[in-house]
N, C-alpha and C. Protein backbone atom coordinates (compact mmCIF):
# COMPACT_ATOMS: atom_id res chain seq x y z
N UNK A 1 26.08 117.42 84.28
CA UNK A 1 25.25 118.61 84.25
C UNK A 1 24.01 118.38 83.31
N UNK A 2 24.31 117.88 82.17
CA UNK A 2 23.25 117.75 81.07
C UNK A 2 22.08 116.54 81.56
N UNK A 3 22.65 115.56 82.07
CA UNK A 3 21.73 114.45 82.35
C UNK A 3 20.93 114.95 83.84
N UNK A 4 21.48 115.87 84.57
CA UNK A 4 20.43 116.46 85.66
C UNK A 4 19.42 117.17 85.04
N UNK A 5 19.78 118.23 84.05
CA UNK A 5 18.85 118.99 83.31
C UNK A 5 17.83 117.91 82.48
N UNK A 6 18.23 117.09 81.94
CA UNK A 6 17.37 116.14 81.20
C UNK A 6 16.28 115.54 82.14
N UNK A 7 16.70 115.00 83.24
CA UNK A 7 15.96 114.39 84.33
C UNK A 7 15.08 115.22 84.84
N UNK A 8 15.43 116.43 85.13
CA UNK A 8 14.40 117.54 85.65
C UNK A 8 13.52 117.87 84.61
N UNK A 9 13.73 117.78 83.33
CA UNK A 9 12.93 118.22 82.20
C UNK A 9 11.75 117.13 82.12
N UNK A 10 12.20 115.92 82.26
CA UNK A 10 11.44 114.76 82.19
C UNK A 10 10.48 114.64 83.42
N UNK A 11 11.09 114.92 84.45
CA UNK A 11 10.18 114.98 85.75
C UNK A 11 9.19 116.02 85.93
N UNK A 12 9.64 117.29 85.56
CA UNK A 12 8.55 118.29 85.65
C UNK A 12 7.54 118.11 84.43
N UNK A 13 7.94 117.36 83.26
CA UNK A 13 7.12 117.29 82.20
C UNK A 13 6.02 116.35 82.73
N UNK A 14 6.48 115.20 83.37
CA UNK A 14 5.32 114.25 83.97
C UNK A 14 4.56 114.86 84.97
N UNK A 15 5.11 115.64 86.10
CA UNK A 15 4.49 116.24 87.00
C UNK A 15 3.30 117.43 86.52
N UNK A 16 3.74 118.41 85.70
CA UNK A 16 2.85 119.26 85.30
C UNK A 16 2.10 118.90 84.13
N UNK A 17 2.47 118.03 83.42
CA UNK A 17 1.85 117.54 82.35
C UNK A 17 1.03 116.48 82.23
N UNK A 18 0.99 115.63 83.46
CA UNK A 18 0.10 114.39 83.64
C UNK A 18 -0.15 114.32 84.91
N UNK A 19 0.47 114.34 85.94
CA UNK A 19 -0.01 114.07 87.41
C UNK A 19 -0.84 115.23 87.96
N UNK A 20 -0.30 116.44 87.79
CA UNK A 20 -0.99 117.62 88.19
C UNK A 20 -2.43 117.81 87.57
N UNK A 21 -2.58 117.63 86.04
CA UNK A 21 -3.94 117.73 85.56
C UNK A 21 -4.83 116.53 85.91
N UNK A 22 -4.22 115.37 86.13
CA UNK A 22 -5.10 114.25 86.47
C UNK A 22 -5.57 114.50 87.92
N UNK A 23 -4.92 114.97 88.93
CA UNK A 23 -5.05 115.23 90.25
C UNK A 23 -6.18 116.27 90.12
N UNK A 24 -6.08 117.43 89.46
CA UNK A 24 -7.18 118.52 89.54
C UNK A 24 -8.33 118.02 88.84
N UNK A 25 -8.41 117.14 87.99
CA UNK A 25 -9.50 116.54 87.04
C UNK A 25 -10.23 115.86 88.13
N UNK A 26 -9.48 114.78 88.81
CA UNK A 26 -10.10 113.80 89.94
C UNK A 26 -10.70 114.60 91.10
N UNK A 27 -10.08 115.64 91.48
CA UNK A 27 -10.63 116.43 92.62
C UNK A 27 -11.83 117.12 92.13
N UNK A 28 -11.87 117.62 90.92
CA UNK A 28 -12.86 118.62 90.47
C UNK A 28 -14.20 117.55 90.19
N UNK A 29 -13.93 116.45 89.71
CA UNK A 29 -15.00 115.61 89.46
C UNK A 29 -15.53 114.97 90.80
N UNK A 30 -14.72 114.73 91.62
CA UNK A 30 -15.11 114.30 93.12
C UNK A 30 -16.06 115.16 93.83
N UNK A 31 -15.37 116.63 93.92
CA UNK A 31 -16.27 117.66 94.66
C UNK A 31 -17.06 118.47 94.13
N UNK A 32 -17.08 118.74 92.72
CA UNK A 32 -18.06 119.43 91.94
C UNK A 32 -18.45 118.73 90.68
N UNK A 33 -18.85 117.55 90.74
CA UNK A 33 -19.11 116.57 89.49
C UNK A 33 -20.12 117.36 88.63
N UNK A 34 -21.11 117.97 89.06
CA UNK A 34 -21.95 118.65 88.04
C UNK A 34 -21.25 119.97 87.40
N UNK A 35 -20.51 120.71 87.88
CA UNK A 35 -19.85 121.87 87.30
C UNK A 35 -18.53 121.24 86.47
N UNK A 36 -17.90 120.15 86.97
CA UNK A 36 -16.79 119.60 86.18
C UNK A 36 -17.21 119.12 84.94
N UNK A 37 -18.59 118.62 84.66
CA UNK A 37 -18.96 118.17 83.43
C UNK A 37 -19.92 119.10 82.90
N UNK A 38 -19.68 120.37 82.95
CA UNK A 38 -20.09 121.53 82.19
C UNK A 38 -21.49 122.11 82.85
N UNK A 39 -22.14 121.77 83.84
CA UNK A 39 -23.20 122.19 84.38
C UNK A 39 -24.29 122.21 83.26
N UNK A 40 -24.55 120.80 82.70
CA UNK A 40 -25.24 120.88 81.50
C UNK A 40 -26.98 120.77 82.08
N UNK A 41 -27.76 121.49 81.51
CA UNK A 41 -29.26 121.66 81.93
C UNK A 41 -29.84 120.73 80.96
N UNK A 42 -30.62 119.84 81.51
CA UNK A 42 -31.70 118.86 80.78
C UNK A 42 -33.12 119.30 81.14
N UNK A 43 -34.03 118.90 80.07
CA UNK A 43 -35.32 118.99 80.12
C UNK A 43 -35.85 117.79 79.58
N UNK A 44 -36.60 116.97 80.49
CA UNK A 44 -37.03 115.69 79.87
C UNK A 44 -36.16 114.84 79.55
N UNK A 45 -34.96 114.95 80.07
CA UNK A 45 -33.79 113.94 79.82
C UNK A 45 -33.00 114.47 78.42
N UNK A 46 -33.23 115.67 78.06
CA UNK A 46 -32.73 116.06 76.89
C UNK A 46 -32.01 117.19 77.20
N UNK A 47 -30.56 117.17 76.92
CA UNK A 47 -29.72 118.42 77.34
C UNK A 47 -30.02 119.78 76.29
N UNK A 48 -30.47 121.05 76.99
CA UNK A 48 -30.87 121.95 76.26
C UNK A 48 -29.81 123.15 76.40
N UNK A 49 -28.78 123.24 77.10
CA UNK A 49 -27.76 124.00 77.36
C UNK A 49 -27.03 123.82 78.64
N UNK A 50 -26.11 124.97 78.77
CA UNK A 50 -25.21 124.98 79.97
C UNK A 50 -25.64 126.03 80.71
N UNK A 51 -25.61 126.07 82.20
CA UNK A 51 -25.78 127.26 82.91
C UNK A 51 -24.62 128.21 83.02
N UNK A 52 -23.43 127.81 82.36
CA UNK A 52 -22.24 128.53 82.44
C UNK A 52 -22.13 129.16 81.16
N UNK A 53 -22.86 128.85 80.11
CA UNK A 53 -22.50 129.39 78.70
C UNK A 53 -23.58 130.09 78.21
N UNK A 54 -23.33 131.17 77.74
CA UNK A 54 -24.68 132.03 77.14
C UNK A 54 -25.19 131.11 75.76
N UNK A 55 -26.25 131.17 75.35
CA UNK A 55 -26.71 130.65 74.11
C UNK A 55 -27.83 131.71 73.53
N UNK A 56 -27.68 131.52 72.03
CA UNK A 56 -28.69 132.65 71.39
C UNK A 56 -29.99 131.90 71.65
N UNK A 57 -30.98 133.07 71.98
CA UNK A 57 -32.19 132.71 71.79
C UNK A 57 -32.97 133.59 70.76
N UNK A 58 -33.26 132.94 69.47
CA UNK A 58 -33.58 133.92 68.39
C UNK A 58 -35.13 134.26 68.57
N UNK A 59 -35.85 133.68 69.20
CA UNK A 59 -37.35 133.97 69.19
C UNK A 59 -37.52 135.06 70.17
N UNK A 60 -38.37 136.02 69.77
CA UNK A 60 -38.69 137.18 70.40
C UNK A 60 -39.51 136.91 71.67
N UNK A 61 -39.94 135.86 71.70
CA UNK A 61 -40.86 135.33 72.99
C UNK A 61 -39.64 134.90 74.16
N UNK A 62 -38.48 135.14 73.93
CA UNK A 62 -37.47 134.65 75.01
C UNK A 62 -36.82 135.83 75.39
N UNK A 63 -36.09 135.85 76.81
CA UNK A 63 -35.31 136.76 77.22
C UNK A 63 -33.97 136.76 76.48
N UNK A 64 -33.35 137.67 76.17
CA UNK A 64 -32.05 137.66 75.25
C UNK A 64 -30.86 137.91 75.92
N UNK A 65 -29.80 137.08 76.02
CA UNK A 65 -28.56 137.32 76.44
C UNK A 65 -27.88 138.53 76.11
N UNK A 66 -26.60 138.74 76.67
CA UNK A 66 -25.61 139.75 76.26
C UNK A 66 -25.32 139.46 74.87
N UNK A 67 -24.94 140.42 73.96
CA UNK A 67 -24.37 140.21 72.75
C UNK A 67 -23.23 139.48 72.74
N UNK A 68 -22.61 138.69 71.66
CA UNK A 68 -21.38 137.70 71.56
C UNK A 68 -20.59 138.45 70.74
N UNK A 69 -19.34 138.56 70.88
CA UNK A 69 -18.30 139.19 70.05
C UNK A 69 -17.63 138.15 69.33
N UNK A 70 -17.80 136.97 69.23
CA UNK A 70 -16.83 136.09 68.53
C UNK A 70 -17.40 136.21 67.14
N UNK A 71 -16.49 135.61 65.97
CA UNK A 71 -17.00 135.62 64.68
C UNK A 71 -18.16 134.62 64.53
N UNK A 72 -18.20 133.83 65.33
CA UNK A 72 -19.57 132.80 65.23
C UNK A 72 -20.28 132.94 66.61
N UNK A 73 -21.24 133.82 66.71
CA UNK A 73 -21.74 134.21 68.05
C UNK A 73 -22.24 132.98 68.91
N UNK A 74 -21.80 133.18 70.22
CA UNK A 74 -22.17 132.04 71.24
C UNK A 74 -21.42 130.73 70.92
N UNK A 75 -20.53 130.60 69.90
CA UNK A 75 -19.82 129.35 69.79
C UNK A 75 -18.90 129.27 70.84
N UNK A 76 -18.46 128.05 71.35
CA UNK A 76 -17.63 128.01 72.54
C UNK A 76 -16.01 127.86 72.11
N UNK A 77 -15.90 127.18 70.86
CA UNK A 77 -14.22 127.08 70.78
C UNK A 77 -13.90 128.47 70.20
N UNK A 78 -14.57 129.12 69.16
CA UNK A 78 -13.89 130.50 68.87
C UNK A 78 -14.35 131.44 69.66
N UNK A 79 -14.71 131.40 70.89
CA UNK A 79 -15.11 132.45 71.69
C UNK A 79 -14.06 133.48 71.69
N UNK A 80 -14.37 134.91 71.88
CA UNK A 80 -13.68 135.94 71.99
C UNK A 80 -14.01 137.21 72.37
N UNK A 81 -13.34 138.18 73.01
CA UNK A 81 -13.63 139.57 73.18
C UNK A 81 -13.36 140.29 72.02
N UNK A 82 -14.08 141.45 71.92
CA UNK A 82 -13.89 142.26 70.70
C UNK A 82 -12.40 143.28 70.80
N UNK A 83 -11.91 143.14 72.14
CA UNK A 83 -10.67 143.94 72.51
C UNK A 83 -10.60 145.29 71.94
N UNK A 84 -11.95 145.96 71.72
CA UNK A 84 -12.31 147.07 71.26
C UNK A 84 -12.04 148.15 72.46
N UNK A 85 -11.49 149.34 72.44
CA UNK A 85 -11.55 150.07 73.34
C UNK A 85 -12.45 151.27 73.25
N UNK A 86 -12.56 152.20 74.28
CA UNK A 86 -13.50 153.28 74.12
C UNK A 86 -13.51 154.27 73.01
N UNK A 87 -12.16 154.11 72.39
CA UNK A 87 -12.00 155.11 71.20
C UNK A 87 -12.35 154.45 69.73
N UNK A 88 -12.77 153.04 70.02
CA UNK A 88 -13.04 152.39 68.86
C UNK A 88 -14.06 152.78 68.08
N UNK A 89 -13.88 153.23 66.63
CA UNK A 89 -15.18 153.62 65.80
C UNK A 89 -16.08 152.16 65.69
N UNK A 90 -15.40 151.12 65.57
CA UNK A 90 -16.15 149.68 65.31
C UNK A 90 -17.05 149.57 66.58
N UNK A 91 -16.50 149.67 67.80
CA UNK A 91 -17.38 149.67 69.00
C UNK A 91 -18.46 150.48 69.13
N UNK A 92 -18.27 151.97 68.62
CA UNK A 92 -19.18 152.86 68.84
C UNK A 92 -20.28 152.46 67.79
N UNK A 93 -19.78 152.11 66.70
CA UNK A 93 -20.91 151.76 65.64
C UNK A 93 -21.70 150.61 66.10
N UNK A 94 -21.02 149.62 66.49
CA UNK A 94 -21.99 148.47 67.09
C UNK A 94 -22.98 148.71 68.23
N UNK A 95 -22.38 149.60 69.28
CA UNK A 95 -23.31 149.74 70.40
C UNK A 95 -24.33 150.65 69.86
N UNK A 96 -23.95 151.78 68.77
CA UNK A 96 -25.22 152.58 68.38
C UNK A 96 -26.31 151.56 67.53
N UNK A 97 -25.89 150.71 66.76
CA UNK A 97 -26.74 150.05 66.32
C UNK A 97 -27.65 149.08 67.34
N UNK A 98 -26.91 148.54 68.22
CA UNK A 98 -27.62 147.90 69.31
C UNK A 98 -28.82 148.82 70.08
N UNK A 99 -28.23 150.02 70.08
CA UNK A 99 -29.12 150.97 70.76
C UNK A 99 -30.34 151.10 70.07
N UNK A 100 -30.10 151.31 68.66
CA UNK A 100 -31.27 151.53 67.77
C UNK A 100 -32.28 150.31 68.00
N UNK A 101 -31.81 149.10 67.65
CA UNK A 101 -32.53 147.72 67.53
C UNK A 101 -33.38 147.68 69.04
N UNK A 102 -32.55 147.75 70.05
CA UNK A 102 -33.21 147.42 71.19
C UNK A 102 -34.20 148.59 71.86
N UNK A 103 -33.97 149.90 71.48
CA UNK A 103 -34.82 150.80 71.59
C UNK A 103 -36.24 150.68 71.10
N UNK A 104 -36.16 150.07 69.58
CA UNK A 104 -37.37 149.55 68.93
C UNK A 104 -38.07 148.56 69.48
N UNK A 105 -37.09 147.49 69.97
CA UNK A 105 -37.87 146.32 70.57
C UNK A 105 -38.48 146.39 71.81
N UNK A 106 -37.65 147.11 72.66
CA UNK A 106 -38.01 147.09 74.11
C UNK A 106 -38.63 148.35 74.57
N UNK A 107 -38.69 149.40 73.76
CA UNK A 107 -39.47 150.67 74.20
C UNK A 107 -39.27 151.07 75.54
N UNK A 108 -37.90 151.43 75.85
CA UNK A 108 -37.70 151.89 77.15
C UNK A 108 -38.38 153.23 77.55
N UNK A 109 -38.76 153.60 78.78
CA UNK A 109 -39.56 154.76 79.04
C UNK A 109 -38.72 155.94 78.47
N UNK A 110 -39.21 157.13 78.47
CA UNK A 110 -38.75 158.25 78.06
C UNK A 110 -37.63 158.57 78.95
N UNK A 111 -36.48 158.91 78.72
CA UNK A 111 -35.48 159.15 79.66
C UNK A 111 -34.63 158.12 80.16
N UNK A 112 -35.16 156.86 80.26
CA UNK A 112 -34.57 155.71 80.68
C UNK A 112 -33.38 155.15 79.79
N UNK A 113 -32.33 154.61 80.02
CA UNK A 113 -31.34 154.28 79.25
C UNK A 113 -31.30 152.70 79.31
N UNK A 114 -30.87 151.96 78.30
CA UNK A 114 -30.52 150.82 78.11
C UNK A 114 -29.58 150.05 78.95
N UNK A 115 -29.56 148.94 79.69
CA UNK A 115 -28.66 148.33 80.47
C UNK A 115 -27.33 148.20 79.49
N UNK A 116 -26.15 148.48 79.98
CA UNK A 116 -24.98 148.52 79.26
C UNK A 116 -24.63 147.04 78.83
N UNK A 117 -24.99 146.13 79.67
CA UNK A 117 -24.84 144.73 79.45
C UNK A 117 -25.64 144.11 78.26
N UNK A 118 -26.67 145.13 77.64
CA UNK A 118 -27.30 144.60 76.52
C UNK A 118 -26.78 145.22 75.47
N UNK A 119 -25.89 146.17 75.60
CA UNK A 119 -25.10 147.04 74.48
C UNK A 119 -23.58 146.52 74.25
N UNK A 120 -23.00 146.11 75.18
CA UNK A 120 -21.78 145.56 74.89
C UNK A 120 -21.37 144.05 75.16
N UNK A 121 -20.46 143.31 74.59
CA UNK A 121 -20.24 142.17 74.98
C UNK A 121 -19.48 141.83 76.38
N UNK A 122 -19.51 140.61 76.45
CA UNK A 122 -18.74 140.30 77.69
C UNK A 122 -17.30 139.82 77.40
N UNK A 123 -16.58 139.76 78.21
CA UNK A 123 -15.04 139.28 77.83
C UNK A 123 -15.03 138.19 77.11
N UNK A 124 -15.69 137.10 77.31
CA UNK A 124 -15.62 135.82 76.44
C UNK A 124 -16.64 135.93 75.40
N UNK A 125 -17.64 136.57 75.36
CA UNK A 125 -18.83 136.60 74.54
C UNK A 125 -19.80 135.41 74.87
N UNK A 126 -19.47 134.86 76.01
CA UNK A 126 -20.33 133.69 76.37
C UNK A 126 -20.84 133.78 78.00
N UNK A 127 -20.87 135.04 78.09
CA UNK A 127 -21.58 135.34 79.62
C UNK A 127 -23.12 134.79 79.86
N UNK A 128 -23.37 133.95 80.57
CA UNK A 128 -24.74 133.37 80.76
C UNK A 128 -25.54 134.42 81.56
N UNK A 129 -25.15 135.49 82.18
CA UNK A 129 -25.88 136.26 82.94
C UNK A 129 -26.23 137.58 82.15
N UNK A 130 -27.08 138.20 82.68
CA UNK A 130 -27.67 139.70 82.51
C UNK A 130 -27.92 140.08 83.62
N UNK A 131 -28.07 141.53 83.74
CA UNK A 131 -28.12 142.31 85.09
C UNK A 131 -29.78 142.29 85.23
N UNK A 132 -30.18 142.40 86.51
CA UNK A 132 -31.69 142.60 86.74
C UNK A 132 -32.27 143.65 85.97
N UNK A 133 -31.70 144.70 85.77
CA UNK A 133 -32.25 145.82 84.93
C UNK A 133 -32.48 145.24 83.45
N UNK A 134 -31.42 144.42 82.80
CA UNK A 134 -31.57 143.92 81.47
C UNK A 134 -32.89 143.22 81.47
N UNK A 135 -33.19 142.28 82.40
CA UNK A 135 -33.89 141.26 82.25
C UNK A 135 -35.46 142.11 82.49
N UNK A 136 -35.45 143.26 83.39
CA UNK A 136 -36.62 143.85 83.77
C UNK A 136 -37.09 144.61 82.32
N UNK A 137 -36.28 145.21 81.67
CA UNK A 137 -36.46 145.98 80.34
C UNK A 137 -36.97 145.02 79.29
N UNK A 138 -36.66 143.83 79.42
CA UNK A 138 -37.25 142.78 78.45
C UNK A 138 -38.63 142.18 78.73
N UNK A 139 -39.24 142.38 79.78
CA UNK A 139 -40.37 141.99 80.56
C UNK A 139 -41.64 142.31 79.56
N UNK A 140 -41.87 143.50 79.06
CA UNK A 140 -43.09 143.81 78.48
C UNK A 140 -42.86 143.43 76.82
N UNK A 141 -41.56 143.12 76.28
CA UNK A 141 -41.20 142.62 74.84
C UNK A 141 -41.87 141.11 75.07
N UNK A 142 -41.41 140.46 75.98
CA UNK A 142 -41.45 139.22 76.07
C UNK A 142 -42.96 138.79 76.43
N UNK A 143 -43.55 139.43 77.36
CA UNK A 143 -45.03 139.29 77.52
C UNK A 143 -45.86 139.55 76.25
N UNK A 144 -45.64 140.71 75.58
CA UNK A 144 -46.24 141.00 74.16
C UNK A 144 -46.23 139.68 73.07
N UNK A 145 -44.97 139.18 73.15
CA UNK A 145 -44.92 138.25 72.15
C UNK A 145 -45.50 136.87 72.48
N UNK A 146 -45.70 136.78 73.81
CA UNK A 146 -46.32 135.50 74.22
C UNK A 146 -48.06 135.84 74.52
N UNK A 147 -48.23 136.99 74.19
CA UNK A 147 -49.90 137.36 74.14
C UNK A 147 -50.18 137.42 75.82
N UNK A 148 -49.40 137.72 76.60
CA UNK A 148 -49.73 137.78 78.01
C UNK A 148 -50.62 138.98 78.47
N UNK A 149 -51.84 138.87 79.16
CA UNK A 149 -52.43 139.80 79.68
C UNK A 149 -51.73 140.33 80.77
N UNK A 150 -52.57 141.30 81.71
CA UNK A 150 -51.87 141.99 82.93
C UNK A 150 -51.54 140.87 83.88
N UNK A 151 -52.41 139.72 84.19
CA UNK A 151 -52.14 138.96 85.32
C UNK A 151 -51.03 138.07 84.91
N UNK A 152 -50.73 137.67 83.72
CA UNK A 152 -49.67 136.92 83.40
C UNK A 152 -48.25 137.65 83.28
N UNK A 153 -48.38 138.97 82.81
CA UNK A 153 -47.13 139.78 82.94
C UNK A 153 -46.89 140.06 84.33
N UNK A 154 -47.78 140.08 85.12
CA UNK A 154 -47.33 140.30 86.77
C UNK A 154 -46.73 139.01 87.12
N UNK A 155 -47.02 137.75 86.78
CA UNK A 155 -46.42 136.57 86.94
C UNK A 155 -45.00 136.38 86.34
N UNK A 156 -45.04 137.04 85.22
CA UNK A 156 -43.57 137.13 84.63
C UNK A 156 -42.67 138.04 85.35
N UNK A 157 -43.22 139.18 85.79
CA UNK A 157 -42.27 140.06 86.56
C UNK A 157 -41.94 139.53 87.70
N UNK A 158 -42.77 138.79 88.49
CA UNK A 158 -42.42 138.09 89.76
C UNK A 158 -41.24 136.93 89.40
N UNK A 159 -41.50 136.23 88.19
CA UNK A 159 -40.48 135.30 87.95
C UNK A 159 -39.26 135.91 87.78
N UNK A 160 -39.23 136.91 87.09
CA UNK A 160 -37.65 137.70 86.87
C UNK A 160 -37.45 138.02 88.22
N UNK A 161 -38.01 138.59 89.09
CA UNK A 161 -37.54 138.78 90.42
C UNK A 161 -37.11 137.70 91.25
N UNK A 162 -37.66 136.42 90.99
CA UNK A 162 -37.33 135.26 91.80
C UNK A 162 -36.05 134.77 91.16
N UNK A 163 -35.81 135.00 90.09
CA UNK A 163 -34.47 134.51 89.33
C UNK A 163 -33.20 135.21 89.51
N UNK A 164 -33.42 136.37 90.32
CA UNK A 164 -32.27 137.26 90.38
C UNK A 164 -31.29 136.37 91.70
N UNK A 165 -30.18 136.27 91.10
CA UNK A 165 -29.20 135.49 91.76
C UNK A 165 -28.29 136.52 92.68
N UNK A 166 -28.03 136.49 93.88
CA UNK A 166 -27.34 137.31 94.53
C UNK A 166 -25.64 137.26 94.27
N UNK A 167 -25.14 138.35 94.53
CA UNK A 167 -23.55 138.37 94.28
C UNK A 167 -23.07 136.92 94.88
N UNK A 168 -22.07 136.50 94.28
CA UNK A 168 -21.55 135.07 94.82
C UNK A 168 -21.01 135.41 96.14
N UNK A 169 -21.28 134.55 97.19
CA UNK A 169 -20.72 134.39 98.53
C UNK A 169 -21.14 135.72 99.22
N UNK A 170 -22.39 136.36 98.49
CA UNK A 170 -22.80 137.64 99.24
C UNK A 170 -22.07 138.82 98.86
N UNK A 171 -20.91 138.94 98.36
CA UNK A 171 -20.17 140.14 98.17
C UNK A 171 -19.24 140.20 96.86
N UNK A 172 -19.14 138.98 96.31
CA UNK A 172 -18.49 139.02 94.80
C UNK A 172 -19.39 139.32 93.61
N UNK A 173 -19.30 140.24 93.12
CA UNK A 173 -19.95 140.65 91.70
C UNK A 173 -21.02 141.44 92.11
N UNK A 174 -22.16 141.27 91.43
CA UNK A 174 -23.43 142.03 91.09
C UNK A 174 -24.50 141.08 91.02
N UNK A 175 -25.65 141.68 91.52
CA UNK A 175 -26.79 140.53 91.37
C UNK A 175 -27.03 140.27 89.77
N UNK A 176 -27.51 139.12 89.42
CA UNK A 176 -27.45 138.64 87.94
C UNK A 176 -28.50 137.96 88.01
N UNK A 177 -28.73 137.62 86.46
CA UNK A 177 -30.01 136.80 86.17
C UNK A 177 -29.36 135.74 85.06
N UNK A 178 -29.40 134.36 85.36
CA UNK A 178 -29.10 133.43 84.27
C UNK A 178 -30.21 133.17 83.34
N UNK A 179 -29.87 133.69 82.18
CA UNK A 179 -30.83 133.65 80.95
C UNK A 179 -31.36 132.36 80.62
N UNK A 180 -30.58 131.29 80.54
CA UNK A 180 -31.20 129.98 80.20
C UNK A 180 -32.16 129.64 81.28
N UNK A 181 -31.78 129.69 82.75
CA UNK A 181 -32.73 129.37 83.65
C UNK A 181 -34.09 130.11 83.68
N UNK A 182 -33.78 131.48 83.27
CA UNK A 182 -35.12 132.13 83.32
C UNK A 182 -36.01 131.69 82.12
N UNK A 183 -35.40 131.71 80.85
CA UNK A 183 -36.25 131.02 79.61
C UNK A 183 -36.96 129.71 80.01
N UNK A 184 -36.09 128.84 80.53
CA UNK A 184 -36.76 127.76 81.04
C UNK A 184 -38.05 127.65 81.99
N UNK A 185 -37.69 128.71 82.90
CA UNK A 185 -38.78 128.91 83.78
C UNK A 185 -40.07 129.42 83.14
N UNK A 186 -39.49 130.32 82.30
CA UNK A 186 -40.78 131.10 81.40
C UNK A 186 -41.47 130.04 80.68
N UNK A 187 -40.90 129.00 79.93
CA UNK A 187 -41.58 127.85 79.39
C UNK A 187 -42.46 127.20 80.10
N UNK A 188 -42.18 126.98 81.54
CA UNK A 188 -43.01 126.13 82.35
C UNK A 188 -44.08 127.04 83.03
N UNK A 189 -43.87 128.33 82.79
CA UNK A 189 -45.01 129.26 83.55
C UNK A 189 -46.30 128.73 82.97
N UNK A 190 -47.31 128.45 83.99
CA UNK A 190 -48.48 128.25 83.71
C UNK A 190 -49.61 129.34 83.75
């Protein structure tokens, strides 16, 4: 009986610890090579980020991603959610601070509210997307930081609208904007 259990342990260790991961990796690289390698985005042959992970854009001339909850914001290894619930005083304080900072920066119209994805963190703290509303509310601030006139601001507005991705497969999730792709297109805006 002991030898049968030992053989099963060895067999399942090899199967689930080596064969299965190797097969999944091979299939992933074969069918989805770009995604399996991290969906790295390059500009001029130099990697600038991944379309699957948020990164911090410190300069005001760029669109901002969702806030990150990790101890080291936007770091991939220690990424984490805050796990703070609706009764958390720390969450309320963080959201209130973000509301004050974003209201000052983006000057939303009177009565308009800030999109919740700019006020709260995502589950991993690394969500690369924001809602179309979160992108739209940043247009005036980005245009002002870049010194855009009315014509360029219209181009920027059209760019944001063009970068809105539909729900996956047409029905999963909500429309979204990939912040890295939007900022790269913004830099290429002539």
